Amino acid sequence: MPARPRRRRLMAEINVVPYIDVMLVLLIIFMITAPLLKEGVKVDLPDAGAKPIDADFLAKHEPLILTIDSRGRLFINFGQNQDQPVAESTVSSRTAALLRRDPQTPVLVKADTTVPYGTVVRAMVLLQKAGASKVGFLTDPVRTGPPVREAPNGAANGAR
């Protein structure tokens, strides 16, 4: 009697090892690139006890933020090269374009505490000429901590 050829049984399981390798590589790539994407313009915001903007409104309308760094350079979070300084004419044209598309877009100014008042006012005038009827300011919340009392010699408490 001739021997019957033995057939291999089909494997019904998925080999997940290659998928795990790909997942780990992607995880490493995202861990490296995520902090780079979040970097922005370094600005030391003033402290203020202002009421925050409604979160539901911000979810529907992404705000236009004009940033003024400590050297007085302007940055806008709309358009290309958001981490590069832009000219005043670019601020006006991008703001006007965005406000034509969505007139309810909140317009905010994010200025460093060391920027002269005149520079901030000039930036606000640019935004208003571009069609922004209301301009708000971004600030840090007021820090609530123990009050620092001054010693008679001008040094803060605890300084020796």
C-alpha atoms as a PDB file:
ATOM      1  CA  MET A   1       0.000   0.000   0.000  1.00  0.00           C
ATOM      2  CA  PRO A   2       1.407   3.345  -0.980  1.00  0.00           C
ATOM      3  CA  ALA A   3       2.040   5.889   1.779  1.00  0.00           C
ATOM      4  CA  ARG A   4      -0.302   8.850   1.676  1.00  0.00           C
ATOM      5  CA  PRO A   5       1.420  12.168   1.585  1.00  0.00           C
ATOM      6  CA  ARG A   6       1.037  13.904   4.880  1.00  0.00           C
ATOM      7  CA  ARG A   7      -0.509  17.348   4.550  1.00  0.00           C
ATOM      8  CA  ARG A   8       0.487  20.183   6.808  1.00  0.00           C
ATOM      9  CA  ARG A   9      -2.300  21.626   8.773  1.00  0.00           C
ATOM     10  CA  LEU A  10      -3.029  25.289   8.017  1.00  0.00           C
ATOM     11  CA  MET A  11      -2.097  27.690  10.778  1.00  0.00           C
ATOM     12  CA  ALA A  12      -5.067  29.833  11.829  1.00  0.00           C
ATOM     13  CA  GLU A  13      -3.100  32.201  14.078  1.00  0.00           C
ATOM     14  CA  ILE A  14      -1.621  35.562  13.161  1.00  0.00           C
ATOM     15  CA  ASN A  15       2.018  36.104  13.899  1.00  0.00           C
ATOM     16  CA  VAL A  16       2.029  39.436  15.787  1.00  0.00           C
ATOM     17  CA  VAL A  17       5.782  39.732  16.351  1.00  0.00           C
ATOM     18  CA  PRO A  18       6.361  41.888  13.222  1.00  0.00           C
ATOM     19  CA  TYR A  19       3.483  44.155  14.235  1.00  0.00           C
ATOM     20  CA  ILE A  20       4.962  44.626  17.694  1.00  0.00           C
ATOM     21  CA  ASP A  21       8.306  45.580  16.152  1.00  0.00           C
ATOM     22  CA  VAL A  22       6.659  48.171  13.923  1.00  0.00           C
ATOM     23  CA  MET A  23       4.658  49.521  16.858  1.00  0.00           C
ATOM     24  CA  LEU A  24       7.776  49.953  18.993  1.00  0.00           C
ATOM     25  CA  VAL A  25       9.599  51.776  16.195  1.00  0.00           C
ATOM     26  CA  LEU A  26       6.628  54.124  15.740  1.00  0.00           C
ATOM     27  CA  LEU A  27       6.443  54.687  19.479  1.00  0.00           C
ATOM     28  CA  ILE A  28      10.095  55.718  19.577  1.00  0.00           C
ATOM     29  CA  ILE A  29       9.634  58.046  16.592  1.00  0.00           C
ATOM     30  CA  PHE A  30       6.612  59.734  18.179  1.00  0.00           C
ATOM     31  CA  MET A  31       8.354  60.062  21.539  1.00  0.00           C
ATOM     32  CA  ILE A  32      11.216  61.901  19.840  1.00  0.00           C
ATOM     33  CA  THR A  33       9.156  64.130  17.547  1.00  0.00           C
ATOM     34  CA  ALA A  34       6.262  65.067  19.863  1.00  0.00           C
ATOM     35  CA  PRO A  35       8.245  67.512  22.034  1.00  0.00           C
ATOM     36  CA  LEU A  36       9.680  69.128  18.917  1.00  0.00           C
ATOM     37  CA  LEU A  37       6.217  69.797  17.508  1.00  0.00           C
ATOM     38  CA  LYS A  38       4.965  71.455  20.691  1.00  0.00           C
ATOM     39  CA  GLU A  39       7.822  73.927  20.920  1.00  0.00           C
ATOM     40  CA  GLY A  40       6.751  77.472  20.329  1.00  0.00           C
ATOM     41  CA  VAL A  41       8.026  80.960  20.851  1.00  0.00           C
ATOM     42  CA  LYS A  42       9.338  81.482  24.387  1.00  0.00           C
ATOM     43  CA  VAL A  43       7.305  84.237  26.026  1.00  0.00           C
ATOM     44  CA  ASP A  44       7.175  85.239  29.684  1.00  0.00           C
ATOM     45  CA  LEU A  45       3.489  86.065  30.119  1.00  0.00           C
ATOM     46  CA  PRO A  46       2.301  88.531  32.761  1.00  0.00           C
ATOM     47  CA  ASP A  47       0.206  87.268  35.661  1.00  0.00           C
ATOM     48  CA  ALA A  48      -3.439  88.353  35.771  1.00  0.00           C
ATOM     49  CA  GLY A  49      -6.623  87.135  37.386  1.00  0.00           C
ATOM     50  CA  ALA A  50      -8.667  87.307  34.181  1.00  0.00           C
ATOM     51  CA  LYS A  51     -11.659  85.092  33.459  1.00  0.00           C
ATOM     52  CA  PRO A  52     -10.780  82.323  30.958  1.00  0.00           C
ATOM     53  CA  ILE A  53     -12.469  82.067  27.547  1.00  0.00           C
ATOM     54  CA  ASP A  54     -15.325  79.570  27.295  1.00  0.00           C
ATOM     55  CA  ALA A  55     -13.913  76.148  26.350  1.00  0.00           C
ATOM     56  CA  ASP A  56     -16.927  75.275  24.169  1.00  0.00           C
ATOM     57  CA  PHE A  57     -16.419  78.431  22.126  1.00  0.00           C
ATOM     58  CA  LEU A  58     -12.699  77.674  21.699  1.00  0.00           C
ATOM     59  CA  ALA A  59     -13.548  74.141  20.549  1.00  0.00           C
ATOM     60  CA  LYS A  60     -15.664  75.583  17.726  1.00  0.00           C
ATOM     61  CA  HIS A  61     -13.368  78.489  16.802  1.00  0.00           C
ATOM     62  CA  GLU A  62      -9.602  78.036  17.009  1.00  0.00           C
ATOM     63  CA  PRO A  63      -8.106  81.364  18.135  1.00  0.00           C
ATOM     64  CA  LEU A  64      -5.683  83.448  16.113  1.00  0.00           C
ATOM     65  CA  ILE A  65      -2.714  84.174  18.383  1.00  0.00           C
ATOM     66  CA  LEU A  66      -0.245  86.953  17.644  1.00  0.00           C
ATOM     67  CA  THR A  67       2.892  86.399  19.726  1.00  0.00           C
ATOM     68  CA  ILE A  68       5.378  89.161  20.507  1.00  0.00           C
ATOM     69  CA  ASP A  69       8.645  87.858  21.915  1.00  0.00           C
ATOM     70  CA  SER A  70      11.074  89.707  24.181  1.00  0.00           C
ATOM     71  CA  ARG A  71      12.887  91.179  21.152  1.00  0.00           C
ATOM     72  CA  GLY A  72       9.651  92.616  19.733  1.00  0.00           C
ATOM     73  CA  ARG A  73       9.385  90.136  16.837  1.00  0.00           C
ATOM     74  CA  LEU A  74       5.915  89.107  15.669  1.00  0.00           C
ATOM     75  CA  PHE A  75       4.781  85.487  15.243  1.00  0.00           C
ATOM     76  CA  ILE A  76       1.341  84.323  14.126  1.00  0.00           C
ATOM     77  CA  ASN A  77      -0.160  80.860  14.573  1.00  0.00           C
ATOM     78  CA  PHE A  78      -1.865  80.842  11.171  1.00  0.00           C
ATOM     79  CA  GLY A  79      -0.200  79.941   7.881  1.00  0.00           C
ATOM     80  CA  GLN A  80       3.213  78.542   7.112  1.00  0.00           C
ATOM     81  CA  ASN A  81       6.353  78.773   9.271  1.00  0.00           C
ATOM     82  CA  GLN A  82       4.557  79.574  12.505  1.00  0.00           C
ATOM     83  CA  ASP A  83       7.858  79.501  14.415  1.00  0.00           C
ATOM     84  CA  GLN A  84       9.439  82.145  12.144  1.00  0.00           C
ATOM     85  CA  PRO A  85       9.055  85.898  12.729  1.00  0.00           C
ATOM     86  CA  VAL A  86       6.760  87.649  10.247  1.00  0.00           C
ATOM     87  CA  ALA A  87       6.462  91.190   8.926  1.00  0.00           C
ATOM     88  CA  GLU A  88       3.613  93.489   9.930  1.00  0.00           C
ATOM     89  CA  SER A  89       2.122  93.226   6.426  1.00  0.00           C
ATOM     90  CA  THR A  90       2.020  89.416   6.763  1.00  0.00           C
ATOM     91  CA  VAL A  91       0.221  89.723  10.105  1.00  0.00           C
ATOM     92  CA  SER A  92      -2.403  91.984   8.518  1.00  0.00           C
ATOM     93  CA  SER A  93      -2.952  89.799   5.459  1.00  0.00           C
ATOM     94  CA  ARG A  94      -3.159  86.499   7.372  1.00  0.00           C
ATOM     95  CA  THR A  95      -5.492  87.998   9.977  1.00  0.00           C
ATOM     96  CA  ALA A  96      -7.772  89.476   7.327  1.00  0.00           C
ATOM     97  CA  ALA A  97      -7.892  86.157   5.450  1.00  0.00           C
ATOM     98  CA  LEU A  98      -8.770  84.179   8.578  1.00  0.00           C
ATOM     99  CA  LEU A  99     -11.415  86.662   9.709  1.00  0.00           C
ATOM    100  CA  ARG A 100     -13.040  86.631   6.252  1.00  0.00           C
ATOM    101  CA  ARG A 101     -13.318  82.840   6.530  1.00  0.00           C
ATOM    102  CA  ASP A 102     -14.600  82.850  10.152  1.00  0.00           C
ATOM    103  CA  PRO A 103     -15.547  86.295  11.552  1.00  0.00           C
ATOM    104  CA  GLN A 104     -16.075  84.856  15.065  1.00  0.00           C
ATOM    105  CA  THR A 105     -12.447  83.748  15.383  1.00  0.00           C
ATOM    106  CA  PRO A 106     -11.082  84.984  18.711  1.00  0.00           C
ATOM    107  CA  VAL A 107      -7.999  87.161  18.233  1.00  0.00           C
ATOM    108  CA  LEU A 108      -5.485  87.071  21.079  1.00  0.00           C
ATOM    109  CA  VAL A 109      -2.170  88.792  21.758  1.00  0.00           C
ATOM    110  CA  LYS A 110       0.523  86.880  23.637  1.00  0.00           C
ATOM    111  CA  ALA A 111       3.242  89.367  24.573  1.00  0.00           C
ATOM    112  CA  ASP A 112       6.332  88.992  26.740  1.00  0.00           C
ATOM    113  CA  THR A 113       6.340  91.074  29.924  1.00  0.00           C
ATOM    114  CA  THR A 114       9.471  92.920  28.786  1.00  0.00           C
ATOM    115  CA  VAL A 115       7.939  94.152  25.505  1.00  0.00           C
ATOM    116  CA  PRO A 116       7.363  97.920  25.470  1.00  0.00           C
ATOM    117  CA  TYR A 117       3.740  99.014  25.633  1.00  0.00           C
ATOM    118  CA  GLY A 118       4.036 100.809  22.279  1.00  0.00           C
ATOM    119  CA  THR A 119       4.936  97.569  20.506  1.00  0.00           C
ATOM    120  CA  VAL A 120       1.858  95.827  21.904  1.00  0.00           C
ATOM    121  CA  VAL A 121      -0.387  98.747  20.904  1.00  0.00           C
ATOM    122  CA  ARG A 122       1.089  98.783  17.384  1.00  0.00           C
ATOM    123  CA  ALA A 123       0.343  95.046  17.078  1.00  0.00           C
ATOM    124  CA  MET A 124      -3.231  95.587  18.274  1.00  0.00           C
ATOM    125  CA  VAL A 125      -3.727  98.332  15.686  1.00  0.00           C
ATOM    126  CA  LEU A 126      -2.515  95.926  12.978  1.00  0.00           C
ATOM    127  CA  LEU A 127      -5.078  93.365  14.085  1.00  0.00           C
ATOM    128  CA  GLN A 128      -7.898  95.906  14.238  1.00  0.00           C
ATOM    129  CA  LYS A 129      -7.077  97.257  10.755  1.00  0.00           C
ATOM    130  CA  ALA A 130      -7.237  93.664   9.499  1.00  0.00           C
ATOM    131  CA  GLY A 131     -10.806  93.367  10.786  1.00  0.00           C
ATOM    132  CA  ALA A 132     -10.542  92.176  14.399  1.00  0.00           C
ATOM    133  CA  SER A 133     -13.232  93.995  16.353  1.00  0.00           C
ATOM    134  CA  LYS A 134     -12.180  92.514  19.708  1.00  0.00           C
ATOM    135  CA  VAL A 135      -8.631  91.652  20.742  1.00  0.00           C
ATOM    136  CA  GLY A 136      -7.827  89.780  23.947  1.00  0.00           C
ATOM    137  CA  PHE A 137      -4.627  89.156  25.866  1.00  0.00           C
ATOM    138  CA  LEU A 138      -3.155  85.836  26.975  1.00  0.00           C
ATOM    139  CA  THR A 139      -1.864  85.865  30.545  1.00  0.00           C
ATOM    140  CA  ASP A 140      -0.709  83.410  33.160  1.00  0.00           C
ATOM    141  CA  PRO A 141      -3.043  82.839  36.108  1.00  0.00           C
ATOM    142  CA  VAL A 142      -2.153  84.647  39.301  1.00  0.00           C
ATOM    143  CA  ARG A 143       0.085  82.483  41.446  1.00  0.00           C
ATOM    144  CA  THR A 144      -1.335  81.962  44.889  1.00  0.00           C
ATOM    145  CA  GLY A 145       1.407  81.237  47.330  1.00  0.00           C
ATOM    146  CA  PRO A 146       2.638  82.527  50.633  1.00  0.00           C
ATOM    147  CA  PRO A 147       3.241  86.269  50.481  1.00  0.00           C
ATOM    148  CA  VAL A 148       6.866  87.323  50.434  1.00  0.00           C
ATOM    149  CA  ARG A 149       7.568  89.998  53.028  1.00  0.00           C
ATOM    150  CA  GLU A 150      10.501  92.297  52.714  1.00  0.00           C
ATOM    151  CA  ALA A 151      13.038  92.445  55.514  1.00  0.00           C
ATOM    152  CA  PRO A 152      14.199  95.862  56.747  1.00  0.00           C
ATOM    153  CA  ASN A 153      17.454  95.630  54.752  1.00  0.00           C
ATOM    154  CA  GLY A 154      15.566  95.034  51.465  1.00  0.00           C
ATOM    155  CA  ALA A 155      16.244  91.299  51.272  1.00  0.00           C
ATOM    156  CA  ALA A 156      13.342  88.874  51.030  1.00  0.00           C
ATOM    157  CA  ASN A 157      12.424  86.677  53.996  1.00  0.00           C
ATOM    158  CA  GLY A 158      14.766  83.734  54.354  1.00  0.00           C
ATOM    159  CA  ALA A 159      17.592  85.332  52.344  1.00  0.00           C
ATOM    160  CA  ARG A 160      20.869  85.457  54.234  1.00  0.00           C
END
